[in-house]
Amino acid sequence: MAHVTYEADAAEQLVELPTVIKQHMLKIIGRLADWPDVSGAKPLRGDLAGHYRVRTGDYRLQFRVVGDEVIVEHIGHRDGFYE
C-alpha cells in the first residue's frame, strides 16, 4: 500500500477542476494507493521518463513514485499538459 501525497501545484489544480472531473480525479487518486496495481497508468517517455500519467476523458494526472510514496505532480486538461 503506497502513501499518496500532492505537490502544491497539483493540490491547487485539483481544486480548480470542474466538479465532475474533480470527482473522477479523486477516485483515481484513491486508486493510486494500490500502486503498482493501478489500471490505466502509463509510463511517460523522453524528458518525463520515470513519471506516469492516468487519464480521464480530456484530463490527465501526472505522478511519480519514490519508494512507497506516490507523488501527484500535475493535474489538468490535455491541451498543453506535457509542456
PDB file of N, CA and C in Angstrom:
ATOM      1  N   MET A   1       0.859  -1.180   0.000  1.00  0.00           N
ATOM      2  CA  MET A   1       0.000   0.000   0.000  1.00  0.00           C
ATOM      3  C   MET A   1       0.901   1.238   0.000  1.00  0.00           C
ATOM      4  N   ALA A   2       0.712   2.094  -0.983  1.00  0.00           N
ATOM      5  CA  ALA A   2       1.512   3.305  -1.117  1.00  0.00           C
ATOM      6  C   ALA A   2       0.839   4.481  -0.412  1.00  0.00           C
ATOM      7  N   HIS A   3       1.653   5.448  -0.051  1.00  0.00           N
ATOM      8  CA  HIS A   3       1.163   6.680   0.558  1.00  0.00           C
ATOM      9  C   HIS A   3       1.104   7.737  -0.550  1.00  0.00           C
ATOM     10  N   VAL A   4      -0.032   8.384  -0.743  1.00  0.00           N
ATOM     11  CA  VAL A   4      -0.215   9.359  -1.816  1.00  0.00           C
ATOM     12  C   VAL A   4      -0.099  10.765  -1.250  1.00  0.00           C
ATOM     13  N   THR A   5       0.759  11.583  -1.887  1.00  0.00           N
ATOM     14  CA  THR A   5       0.910  12.988  -1.498  1.00  0.00           C
ATOM     15  C   THR A   5       0.762  13.865  -2.739  1.00  0.00           C
ATOM     16  N   TYR A   6       0.566  15.145  -2.522  1.00  0.00           N
ATOM     17  CA  TYR A   6       0.398  16.110  -3.607  1.00  0.00           C
ATOM     18  C   TYR A   6       1.506  17.138  -3.556  1.00  0.00           C
ATOM     19  N   GLU A   7       1.983  17.570  -4.717  1.00  0.00           N
ATOM     20  CA  GLU A   7       2.793  18.776  -4.768  1.00  0.00           C
ATOM     21  C   GLU A   7       1.818  19.947  -4.665  1.00  0.00           C
ATOM     22  N   ALA A   8       2.303  21.087  -4.228  1.00  0.00           N
ATOM     23  CA  ALA A   8       1.428  22.245  -4.005  1.00  0.00           C
ATOM     24  C   ALA A   8       0.655  22.628  -5.265  1.00  0.00           C
ATOM     25  N   ASP A   9       1.310  22.633  -6.415  1.00  0.00           N
ATOM     26  CA  ASP A   9       0.634  22.998  -7.666  1.00  0.00           C
ATOM     27  C   ASP A   9      -0.504  22.033  -7.982  1.00  0.00           C
ATOM     28  N   ALA A  10      -0.271  20.746  -7.775  1.00  0.00           N
ATOM     29  CA  ALA A  10      -1.292  19.743  -8.075  1.00  0.00           C
ATOM     30  C   ALA A  10      -2.514  19.914  -7.174  1.00  0.00           C
ATOM     31  N   ALA A  11      -2.290  20.242  -5.913  1.00  0.00           N
ATOM     32  CA  ALA A  11      -3.414  20.450  -4.991  1.00  0.00           C
ATOM     33  C   ALA A  11      -4.262  21.635  -5.448  1.00  0.00           C
ATOM     34  N   GLU A  12      -3.620  22.713  -5.911  1.00  0.00           N
ATOM     35  CA  GLU A  12      -4.348  23.880  -6.413  1.00  0.00           C
ATOM     36  C   GLU A  12      -5.096  23.540  -7.703  1.00  0.00           C
ATOM     37  N   GLN A  13      -4.445  22.774  -8.579  1.00  0.00           N
ATOM     38  CA  GLN A  13      -5.070  22.391  -9.842  1.00  0.00           C
ATOM     39  C   GLN A  13      -6.297  21.521  -9.600  1.00  0.00           C
ATOM     40  N   LEU A  14      -6.237  20.654  -8.608  1.00  0.00           N
ATOM     41  CA  LEU A  14      -7.375  19.795  -8.285  1.00  0.00           C
ATOM     42  C   LEU A  14      -8.575  20.624  -7.842  1.00  0.00           C
ATOM     43  N   VAL A  15      -8.339  21.625  -7.017  1.00  0.00           N
ATOM     44  CA  VAL A  15      -9.416  22.478  -6.514  1.00  0.00           C
ATOM     45  C   VAL A  15     -10.098  23.237  -7.651  1.00  0.00           C
ATOM     46  N   GLU A  16      -9.332  23.608  -8.681  1.00  0.00           N
ATOM     47  CA  GLU A  16      -9.860  24.427  -9.768  1.00  0.00           C
ATOM     48  C   GLU A  16     -10.591  23.625 -10.844  1.00  0.00           C
ATOM     49  N   LEU A  17     -10.580  22.300 -10.775  1.00  0.00           N
ATOM     50  CA  LEU A  17     -11.233  21.475 -11.791  1.00  0.00           C
ATOM     51  C   LEU A  17     -12.756  21.580 -11.708  1.00  0.00           C
ATOM     52  N   PRO A  18     -13.440  21.355 -12.851  1.00  0.00           N
ATOM     53  CA  PRO A  18     -14.905  21.258 -12.796  1.00  0.00           C
ATOM     54  C   PRO A  18     -15.309  20.127 -11.841  1.00  0.00           C
ATOM     55  N   THR A  19     -16.439  20.265 -11.195  1.00  0.00           N
ATOM     56  CA  THR A  19     -16.876  19.336 -10.152  1.00  0.00           C
ATOM     57  C   THR A  19     -16.876  17.877 -10.598  1.00  0.00           C
ATOM     58  N   VAL A  20     -17.419  17.593 -11.769  1.00  0.00           N
ATOM     59  CA  VAL A  20     -17.495  16.205 -12.236  1.00  0.00           C
ATOM     60  C   VAL A  20     -16.095  15.624 -12.448  1.00  0.00           C
ATOM     61  N   ILE A  21     -15.209  16.401 -13.049  1.00  0.00           N
ATOM     62  CA  ILE A  21     -13.838  15.943 -13.297  1.00  0.00           C
ATOM     63  C   ILE A  21     -13.105  15.770 -11.974  1.00  0.00           C
ATOM     64  N   LYS A  22     -13.346  16.677 -11.034  1.00  0.00           N
ATOM     65  CA  LYS A  22     -12.713  16.574  -9.715  1.00  0.00           C
ATOM     66  C   LYS A  22     -13.095  15.259  -9.036  1.00  0.00           C
ATOM     67  N   GLN A  23     -14.353  14.861  -9.142  1.00  0.00           N
ATOM     68  CA  GLN A  23     -14.793  13.594  -8.549  1.00  0.00           C
ATOM     69  C   GLN A  23     -14.072  12.412  -9.194  1.00  0.00           C
ATOM     70  N   HIS A  24     -13.918  12.445 -10.518  1.00  0.00           N
ATOM     71  CA  HIS A  24     -13.189  11.376 -11.209  1.00  0.00           C
ATOM     72  C   HIS A  24     -11.734  11.340 -10.751  1.00  0.00           C
ATOM     73  N   MET A  25     -11.111  12.507 -10.641  1.00  0.00           N
ATOM     74  CA  MET A  25      -9.707  12.580 -10.226  1.00  0.00           C
ATOM     75  C   MET A  25      -9.530  12.065  -8.801  1.00  0.00           C
ATOM     76  N   LEU A  26     -10.460  12.376  -7.928  1.00  0.00           N
ATOM     77  CA  LEU A  26     -10.354  11.894  -6.549  1.00  0.00           C
ATOM     78  C   LEU A  26     -10.438  10.364  -6.492  1.00  0.00           C
ATOM     79  N   LYS A  27     -11.250   9.771  -7.360  1.00  0.00           N
ATOM     80  CA  LYS A  27     -11.307   8.306  -7.432  1.00  0.00           C
ATOM     81  C   LYS A  27      -9.984   7.745  -7.923  1.00  0.00           C
ATOM     82  N   ILE A  28      -9.407   8.386  -8.935  1.00  0.00           N
ATOM     83  CA  ILE A  28      -8.115   7.939  -9.458  1.00  0.00           C
ATOM     84  C   ILE A  28      -7.047   8.064  -8.387  1.00  0.00           C
ATOM     85  N   ILE A  29      -7.040   9.173  -7.677  1.00  0.00           N
ATOM     86  CA  ILE A  29      -6.047   9.391  -6.623  1.00  0.00           C
ATOM     87  C   ILE A  29      -6.194   8.329  -5.535  1.00  0.00           C
ATOM     88  N   GLY A  30      -7.423   7.956  -5.218  1.00  0.00           N
ATOM     89  CA  GLY A  30      -7.659   6.881  -4.253  1.00  0.00           C
ATOM     90  C   GLY A  30      -7.076   5.558  -4.733  1.00  0.00           C
ATOM     91  N   ARG A  31      -7.182   5.298  -6.044  1.00  0.00           N
ATOM     92  CA  ARG A  31      -6.626   4.062  -6.605  1.00  0.00           C
ATOM     93  C   ARG A  31      -5.100   4.053  -6.589  1.00  0.00           C
ATOM     94  N   LEU A  32      -4.468   5.230  -6.598  1.00  0.00           N
ATOM     95  CA  LEU A  32      -3.005   5.296  -6.612  1.00  0.00           C
ATOM     96  C   LEU A  32      -2.391   4.665  -5.364  1.00  0.00           C
ATOM     97  N   ALA A  33      -3.141   4.595  -4.291  1.00  0.00           N
ATOM     98  CA  ALA A  33      -2.641   3.964  -3.064  1.00  0.00           C
ATOM     99  C   ALA A  33      -2.373   2.482  -3.270  1.00  0.00           C
ATOM    100  N   ASP A  34      -2.954   1.892  -4.318  1.00  0.00           N
ATOM    101  CA  ASP A  34      -2.726   0.479  -4.624  1.00  0.00           C
ATOM    102  C   ASP A  34      -1.534   0.255  -5.551  1.00  0.00           C
ATOM    103  N   TRP A  35      -0.695   1.269  -5.717  1.00  0.00           N
ATOM    104  CA  TRP A  35       0.466   1.143  -6.605  1.00  0.00           C
ATOM    105  C   TRP A  35       1.269  -0.093  -6.243  1.00  0.00           C
ATOM    106  N   PRO A  36       1.689  -0.922  -7.180  1.00  0.00           N
ATOM    107  CA  PRO A  36       1.714  -0.754  -8.636  1.00  0.00           C
ATOM    108  C   PRO A  36       0.496  -1.341  -9.344  1.00  0.00           C
ATOM    109  N   ASP A  37      -0.530  -1.737  -8.636  1.00  0.00           N
ATOM    110  CA  ASP A  37      -1.724  -2.329  -9.252  1.00  0.00           C
ATOM    111  C   ASP A  37      -2.753  -1.258  -9.615  1.00  0.00           C
ATOM    112  N   VAL A  38      -2.321  -0.286 -10.424  1.00  0.00           N
ATOM    113  CA  VAL A  38      -3.197   0.805 -10.832  1.00  0.00           C
ATOM    114  C   VAL A  38      -3.489   0.645 -12.323  1.00  0.00           C
ATOM    115  N   SER A  39      -4.742   0.405 -12.651  1.00  0.00           N
ATOM    116  CA  SER A  39      -5.095   0.234 -14.062  1.00  0.00           C
ATOM    117  C   SER A  39      -5.075   1.590 -14.768  1.00  0.00           C
ATOM    118  N   GLY A  40      -4.605   1.572 -15.996  1.00  0.00           N
ATOM    119  CA  GLY A  40      -4.611   2.786 -16.805  1.00  0.00           C
ATOM    120  C   GLY A  40      -3.406   3.673 -16.638  1.00  0.00           C
ATOM    121  N   ALA A  41      -2.484   3.365 -15.747  1.00  0.00           N
ATOM    122  CA  ALA A  41      -1.284   4.183 -15.558  1.00  0.00           C
ATOM    123  C   ALA A  41      -0.290   3.852 -16.664  1.00  0.00           C
ATOM    124  N   LYS A  42       0.191   4.883 -17.347  1.00  0.00           N
ATOM    125  CA  LYS A  42       1.137   4.696 -18.438  1.00  0.00           C
ATOM    126  C   LYS A  42       2.431   5.419 -18.103  1.00  0.00           C
ATOM    127  N   PRO A  43       3.572   4.760 -18.336  1.00  0.00           N
ATOM    128  CA  PRO A  43       4.848   5.446 -18.122  1.00  0.00           C
ATOM    129  C   PRO A  43       5.065   6.496 -19.207  1.00  0.00           C
ATOM    130  N   LEU A  44       5.644   7.620 -18.834  1.00  0.00           N
ATOM    131  CA  LEU A  44       5.960   8.673 -19.786  1.00  0.00           C
ATOM    132  C   LEU A  44       7.382   8.476 -20.307  1.00  0.00           C
ATOM    133  N   ARG A  45       7.670   9.099 -21.441  1.00  0.00           N
ATOM    134  CA  ARG A  45       8.983   8.926 -22.069  1.00  0.00           C
ATOM    135  C   ARG A  45       9.673  10.268 -22.230  1.00  0.00           C
ATOM    136  N   GLY A  46      10.896  10.201 -22.748  1.00  0.00           N
ATOM    137  CA  GLY A  46      11.658  11.419 -23.024  1.00  0.00           C
ATOM    138  C   GLY A  46      12.050  12.132 -21.750  1.00  0.00           C
ATOM    139  N   ASP A  47      11.840  13.447 -21.732  1.00  0.00           N
ATOM    140  CA  ASP A  47      12.197  14.259 -20.562  1.00  0.00           C
ATOM    141  C   ASP A  47      11.398  13.882 -19.323  1.00  0.00           C
ATOM    142  N   LEU A  48      10.263  13.228 -19.520  1.00  0.00           N
ATOM    143  CA  LEU A  48       9.403  12.847 -18.388  1.00  0.00           C
ATOM    144  C   LEU A  48       9.551  11.377 -18.010  1.00  0.00           C
ATOM    145  N   ALA A  49      10.597  10.730 -18.480  1.00  0.00           N
ATOM    146  CA  ALA A  49      10.844   9.334 -18.118  1.00  0.00           C
ATOM    147  C   ALA A  49      10.919   9.217 -16.598  1.00  0.00           C
ATOM    148  N   GLY A  50      10.321   8.167 -16.054  1.00  0.00           N
ATOM    149  CA  GLY A  50      10.266   7.987 -14.601  1.00  0.00           C
ATOM    150  C   GLY A  50       8.982   8.523 -13.991  1.00  0.00           C
ATOM    151  N   HIS A  51       8.167   9.166 -14.812  1.00  0.00           N
ATOM    152  CA  HIS A  51       6.881   9.691 -14.376  1.00  0.00           C
ATOM    153  C   HIS A  51       5.791   8.881 -15.074  1.00  0.00           C
ATOM    154  N   TYR A  52       4.572   8.971 -14.559  1.00  0.00           N
ATOM    155  CA  TYR A  52       3.438   8.229 -15.103  1.00  0.00           C
ATOM    156  C   TYR A  52       2.269   9.175 -15.273  1.00  0.00           C
ATOM    157  N   ARG A  53       1.278   8.731 -16.069  1.00  0.00           N
ATOM    158  CA  ARG A  53       0.055   9.506 -16.207  1.00  0.00           C
ATOM    159  C   ARG A  53      -1.143   8.572 -16.225  1.00  0.00           C
ATOM    160  N   VAL A  54      -2.249   9.104 -15.753  1.00  0.00           N
ATOM    161  CA  VAL A  54      -3.546   8.441 -15.826  1.00  0.00           C
ATOM    162  C   VAL A  54      -4.486   9.470 -16.442  1.00  0.00           C
ATOM    163  N   ARG A  55      -5.373   9.024 -17.318  1.00  0.00           N
ATOM    164  CA  ARG A  55      -6.289   9.978 -17.939  1.00  0.00           C
ATOM    165  C   ARG A  55      -7.736   9.632 -17.621  1.00  0.00           C
ATOM    166  N   THR A  56      -8.550  10.661 -17.636  1.00  0.00           N
ATOM    167  CA  THR A  56      -9.993  10.509 -17.557  1.00  0.00           C
ATOM    168  C   THR A  56     -10.578  11.538 -18.499  1.00  0.00           C
ATOM    169  N   GLY A  57     -11.160  11.073 -19.583  1.00  0.00           N
ATOM    170  CA  GLY A  57     -11.677  11.986 -20.606  1.00  0.00           C
ATOM    171  C   GLY A  57     -10.558  12.830 -21.173  1.00  0.00           C
ATOM    172  N   ASP A  58     -10.730  14.134 -21.160  1.00  0.00           N
ATOM    173  CA  ASP A  58      -9.729  15.061 -21.684  1.00  0.00           C
ATOM    174  C   ASP A  58      -8.761  15.555 -20.611  1.00  0.00           C
ATOM    175  N   TYR A  59      -8.803  14.974 -19.429  1.00  0.00           N
ATOM    176  CA  TYR A  59      -7.958  15.425 -18.326  1.00  0.00           C
ATOM    177  C   TYR A  59      -6.910  14.375 -17.987  1.00  0.00           C
ATOM    178  N   ARG A  60      -5.785  14.854 -17.471  1.00  0.00           N
ATOM    179  CA  ARG A  60      -4.663  13.984 -17.143  1.00  0.00           C
ATOM    180  C   ARG A  60      -4.192  14.248 -15.715  1.00  0.00           C
ATOM    181  N   LEU A  61      -3.616  13.207 -15.127  1.00  0.00           N
ATOM    182  CA  LEU A  61      -2.997  13.301 -13.809  1.00  0.00           C
ATOM    183  C   LEU A  61      -1.599  12.714 -13.959  1.00  0.00           C
ATOM    184  N   GLN A  62      -0.580  13.492 -13.634  1.00  0.00           N
ATOM    185  CA  GLN A  62       0.810  13.036 -13.738  1.00  0.00           C
ATOM    186  C   GLN A  62       1.355  12.801 -12.337  1.00  0.00           C
ATOM    187  N   PHE A  63       2.085  11.696 -12.179  1.00  0.00           N
ATOM    188  CA  PHE A  63       2.655  11.380 -10.873  1.00  0.00           C
ATOM    189  C   PHE A  63       3.978  10.663 -11.029  1.00  0.00           C
ATOM    190  N   ARG A  64       4.715  10.586  -9.927  1.00  0.00           N
ATOM    191  CA  ARG A  64       5.951   9.802  -9.884  1.00  0.00           C
ATOM    192  C   ARG A  64       5.923   8.958  -8.617  1.00  0.00           C
ATOM    193  N   VAL A  65       6.743   7.924  -8.615  1.00  0.00           N
ATOM    194  CA  VAL A  65       6.793   7.022  -7.472  1.00  0.00           C
ATOM    195  C   VAL A  65       8.198   7.077  -6.876  1.00  0.00           C
ATOM    196  N   VAL A  66       8.268   7.310  -5.566  1.00  0.00           N
ATOM    197  CA  VAL A  66       9.536   7.331  -4.846  1.00  0.00           C
ATOM    198  C   VAL A  66       9.379   6.395  -3.655  1.00  0.00           C
ATOM    199  N   GLY A  67      10.009   5.225  -3.746  1.00  0.00           N
ATOM    200  CA  GLY A  67       9.863   4.223  -2.692  1.00  0.00           C
ATOM    201  C   GLY A  67       8.416   3.783  -2.588  1.00  0.00           C
ATOM    202  N   ASP A  68       7.825   3.938  -1.410  1.00  0.00           N
ATOM    203  CA  ASP A  68       6.418   3.564  -1.231  1.00  0.00           C
ATOM    204  C   ASP A  68       5.509   4.796  -1.221  1.00  0.00           C
ATOM    205  N   GLU A  69       5.987   5.883  -1.829  1.00  0.00           N
ATOM    206  CA  GLU A  69       5.213   7.122  -1.891  1.00  0.00           C
ATOM    207  C   GLU A  69       4.882   7.447  -3.351  1.00  0.00           C
ATOM    208  N   VAL A  70       3.619   7.751  -3.606  1.00  0.00           N
ATOM    209  CA  VAL A  70       3.170   8.207  -4.922  1.00  0.00           C
ATOM    210  C   VAL A  70       2.930   9.709  -4.806  1.00  0.00           C
ATOM    211  N   ILE A  71       3.630  10.479  -5.644  1.00  0.00           N
ATOM    212  CA  ILE A  71       3.552  11.937  -5.567  1.00  0.00           C
ATOM    213  C   ILE A  71       2.815  12.467  -6.787  1.00  0.00           C
ATOM    214  N   VAL A  72       1.651  13.062  -6.572  1.00  0.00           N
ATOM    215  CA  VAL A  72       0.861  13.657  -7.645  1.00  0.00           C
ATOM    216  C   VAL A  72       1.501  15.011  -7.961  1.00  0.00           C
ATOM    217  N   GLU A  73       1.920  15.172  -9.232  1.00  0.00           N
ATOM    218  CA  GLU A  73       2.670  16.365  -9.622  1.00  0.00           C
ATOM    219  C   GLU A  73       1.849  17.392 -10.392  1.00  0.00           C
ATOM    220  N   HIS A  74       0.929  16.906 -11.231  1.00  0.00           N
ATOM    221  CA  HIS A  74       0.247  17.826 -12.139  1.00  0.00           C
ATOM    222  C   HIS A  74      -1.109  17.238 -12.511  1.00  0.00           C
ATOM    223  N   ILE A  75      -2.125  18.095 -12.534  1.00  0.00           N
ATOM    224  CA  ILE A  75      -3.477  17.693 -12.923  1.00  0.00           C
ATOM    225  C   ILE A  75      -4.011  18.763 -13.857  1.00  0.00           C
ATOM    226  N   GLY A  76      -4.534  18.350 -15.024  1.00  0.00           N
ATOM    227  CA  GLY A  76      -5.072  19.361 -15.915  1.00  0.00           C
ATOM    228  C   GLY A  76      -5.612  18.808 -17.211  1.00  0.00           C
ATOM    229  N   HIS A  77      -6.078  19.722 -18.047  1.00  0.00           N
ATOM    230  CA  HIS A  77      -6.629  19.395 -19.357  1.00  0.00           C
ATOM    231  C   HIS A  77      -5.495  18.969 -20.277  1.00  0.00           C
ATOM    232  N   ARG A  78      -5.797  18.103 -21.227  1.00  0.00           N
ATOM    233  CA  ARG A  78      -4.759  17.553 -22.102  1.00  0.00           C
ATOM    234  C   ARG A  78      -4.090  18.600 -22.977  1.00  0.00           C
ATOM    235  N   ASP A  79      -4.774  19.700 -23.288  1.00  0.00           N
ATOM    236  CA  ASP A  79      -4.171  20.765 -24.097  1.00  0.00           C
ATOM    237  C   ASP A  79      -3.017  21.393 -23.343  1.00  0.00           C
ATOM    238  N   GLY A  80      -1.809  21.207 -23.826  1.00  0.00           N
ATOM    239  CA  GLY A  80      -0.632  21.789 -23.206  1.00  0.00           C
ATOM    240  C   GLY A  80      -0.200  21.102 -21.930  1.00  0.00           C
ATOM    241  N   PHE A  81      -0.748  19.940 -21.638  1.00  0.00           N
ATOM    242  CA  PHE A  81      -0.459  19.275 -20.368  1.00  0.00           C
ATOM    243  C   PHE A  81       1.015  18.919 -20.211  1.00  0.00           C
ATOM    244  N   TYR A  82       1.659  18.473 -21.272  1.00  0.00           N
ATOM    245  CA  TYR A  82       3.037  17.982 -21.165  1.00  0.00           C
ATOM    246  C   TYR A  82       4.079  19.044 -21.473  1.00  0.00           C
ATOM    247  N   GLU A  83       3.665  20.279 -21.664  1.00  0.00           N
ATOM    248  CA  GLU A  83       4.624  21.350 -21.992  1.00  0.00           C
ATOM    249  C   GLU A  83       5.270  21.927 -20.759  1.00  0.00           C
TER     250      GLU A  83
END
